[in-house]
Structure formats: structure tokens, C-alpha cells
């Protein structure tokens, strides 16, 4: 489910890591903090995708059970 979303999340995580690294290298605490925030947001979004996948799998399993039971 959501391959495009996962790619966007990975890009946001990479962007956050770059920001954090650049902020650390230039002693820019605000940019470093923004980078960490970007990474955290990407992580949360990725977990949401995991839940969506899990729910989709459970729904598929229920449909298979219905088909096997003649419903």
C-alpha cells in the first residue's frame, strides 16, 4: 500500500538528516533541530503506513475467510 508515501517519507528523513548534519557542522542549532523534527515526522508517517498495511492485510484475510466459508 502507499509505495509513493514511503518514498516521500524516506526523502523527508534524508532531508532531515542532511539538515541536522549541516546545522551541526555550522553550529546552527535551529537548523539542527529542524532536521531532527523532519526525521521524527518521517518516522511517524512511516509507522502510519505500517498500520495501514497491517489493517489492509487483516481485511484481505477476512475476505479470504468469507470466500472459503461460502459467504
C-alpha atoms as a PDB file:
ATOM      1  CA  UNK A   1       0.000   0.000   0.000  1.00  0.00           C
ATOM      2  CA  UNK A   2       1.425   3.521  -0.273  1.00  0.00           C
ATOM      3  CA  UNK A   3       4.771   2.980  -2.003  1.00  0.00           C
ATOM      4  CA  UNK A   4       4.735   6.616  -3.054  1.00  0.00           C
ATOM      5  CA  UNK A   5       4.110   7.661   0.558  1.00  0.00           C
ATOM      6  CA  UNK A   6       7.007   5.526   1.751  1.00  0.00           C
ATOM      7  CA  UNK A   7       9.301   7.112  -0.844  1.00  0.00           C
ATOM      8  CA  UNK A   8       8.218  10.584   0.287  1.00  0.00           C
ATOM      9  CA  UNK A   9       8.826   9.604   3.914  1.00  0.00           C
ATOM     10  CA  UNK A  10      12.309   8.339   3.070  1.00  0.00           C
ATOM     11  CA  UNK A  11      13.044  11.592   1.230  1.00  0.00           C
ATOM     12  CA  UNK A  12      11.816  13.627   4.208  1.00  0.00           C
ATOM     13  CA  UNK A  13      14.005  11.539   6.527  1.00  0.00           C
ATOM     14  CA  UNK A  14      17.036  12.050   4.269  1.00  0.00           C
ATOM     15  CA  UNK A  15      16.322  15.786   4.103  1.00  0.00           C
ATOM     16  CA  UNK A  16      16.132  15.877   7.891  1.00  0.00           C
ATOM     17  CA  UNK A  17      19.434  14.061   8.260  1.00  0.00           C
ATOM     18  CA  UNK A  18      21.067  16.500   5.852  1.00  0.00           C
ATOM     19  CA  UNK A  19      19.617  19.479   7.715  1.00  0.00           C
ATOM     20  CA  UNK A  20      20.701  18.086  11.059  1.00  0.00           C
ATOM     21  CA  UNK A  21      24.224  17.424   9.775  1.00  0.00           C
ATOM     22  CA  UNK A  22      24.538  20.835   8.156  1.00  0.00           C
ATOM     23  CA  UNK A  23      23.197  22.501  11.293  1.00  0.00           C
ATOM     24  CA  UNK A  24      25.692  20.637  13.440  1.00  0.00           C
ATOM     25  CA  UNK A  25      28.573  21.450  11.101  1.00  0.00           C
ATOM     26  CA  UNK A  26      27.716  25.168  11.012  1.00  0.00           C
ATOM     27  CA  UNK A  27      26.758  25.397  14.691  1.00  0.00           C
ATOM     28  CA  UNK A  28      23.195  26.334  13.683  1.00  0.00           C
ATOM     29  CA  UNK A  29      21.072  24.865  16.457  1.00  0.00           C
ATOM     30  CA  UNK A  30      17.772  25.851  14.822  1.00  0.00           C
ATOM     31  CA  UNK A  31      18.589  24.038  11.583  1.00  0.00           C
ATOM     32  CA  UNK A  32      19.819  21.023  13.534  1.00  0.00           C
ATOM     33  CA  UNK A  33      16.552  20.937  15.494  1.00  0.00           C
ATOM     34  CA  UNK A  34      14.512  21.300  12.291  1.00  0.00           C
ATOM     35  CA  UNK A  35      16.397  18.345  10.835  1.00  0.00           C
ATOM     36  CA  UNK A  36      15.611  16.220  13.856  1.00  0.00           C
ATOM     37  CA  UNK A  37      11.945  17.257  13.602  1.00  0.00           C
ATOM     38  CA  UNK A  38      11.830  16.332   9.911  1.00  0.00           C
ATOM     39  CA  UNK A  39      13.239  12.907  10.761  1.00  0.00           C
ATOM     40  CA  UNK A  40      10.712  12.406  13.552  1.00  0.00           C
ATOM     41  CA  UNK A  41       7.815  13.360  11.271  1.00  0.00           C
ATOM     42  CA  UNK A  42       9.040  10.935   8.615  1.00  0.00           C
ATOM     43  CA  UNK A  43       9.270   8.185  11.229  1.00  0.00           C
ATOM     44  CA  UNK A  44       5.712   8.781  12.421  1.00  0.00           C
ATOM     45  CA  UNK A  45       4.408   8.819   8.859  1.00  0.00           C
ATOM     46  CA  UNK A  46       6.227   5.547   8.186  1.00  0.00           C
ATOM     47  CA  UNK A  47       4.584   3.954  11.241  1.00  0.00           C
ATOM     48  CA  UNK A  48       1.185   5.133   9.947  1.00  0.00           C
ATOM     49  CA  UNK A  49       1.955   3.367   6.667  1.00  0.00           C
ATOM     50  CA  UNK A  50       2.807   0.209   8.640  1.00  0.00           C
ATOM     51  CA  UNK A  51      -0.586   0.363  10.379  1.00  0.00           C
ATOM     52  CA  UNK A  52      -2.390   0.944   7.077  1.00  0.00           C
ATOM     53  CA  UNK A  53      -0.626  -2.090   5.602  1.00  0.00           C
ATOM     54  CA  UNK A  54      -1.491  -4.209   8.650  1.00  0.00           C
ATOM     55  CA  UNK A  55      -5.174  -3.213   8.509  1.00  0.00           C
ATOM     56  CA  UNK A  56      -5.276  -3.888   4.775  1.00  0.00           C
ATOM     57  CA  UNK A  57      -3.799  -7.346   5.327  1.00  0.00           C
ATOM     58  CA  UNK A  58      -6.385  -8.127   8.029  1.00  0.00           C
ATOM     59  CA  UNK A  59      -9.235  -7.000   5.766  1.00  0.00           C
ATOM     60  CA  UNK A  60      -7.862  -9.182   2.971  1.00  0.00           C
ATOM     61  CA  UNK A  61      -7.652 -12.126   5.377  1.00  0.00           C
ATOM     62  CA  UNK A  62     -11.294 -11.618   6.412  1.00  0.00           C
ATOM     63  CA  UNK A  63     -12.388 -11.572   2.770  1.00  0.00           C
ATOM     64  CA  UNK A  64     -10.472 -14.791   2.118  1.00  0.00           C
ATOM     65  CA  UNK A  65     -12.153 -16.436   5.107  1.00  0.00           C
ATOM     66  CA  UNK A  66     -15.558 -15.320   3.818  1.00  0.00           C
ATOM     67  CA  UNK A  67     -14.777 -16.747   0.387  1.00  0.00           C
ATOM     68  CA  UNK A  68     -13.620 -20.045   1.903  1.00  0.00           C
ATOM     69  CA  UNK A  69     -16.779 -20.290   4.029  1.00  0.00           C
ATOM     70  CA  UNK A  70     -19.052 -19.664   1.084  1.00  0.00           C
ATOM     71  CA  UNK A  71     -20.144 -16.198   2.107  1.00  0.00           C
END
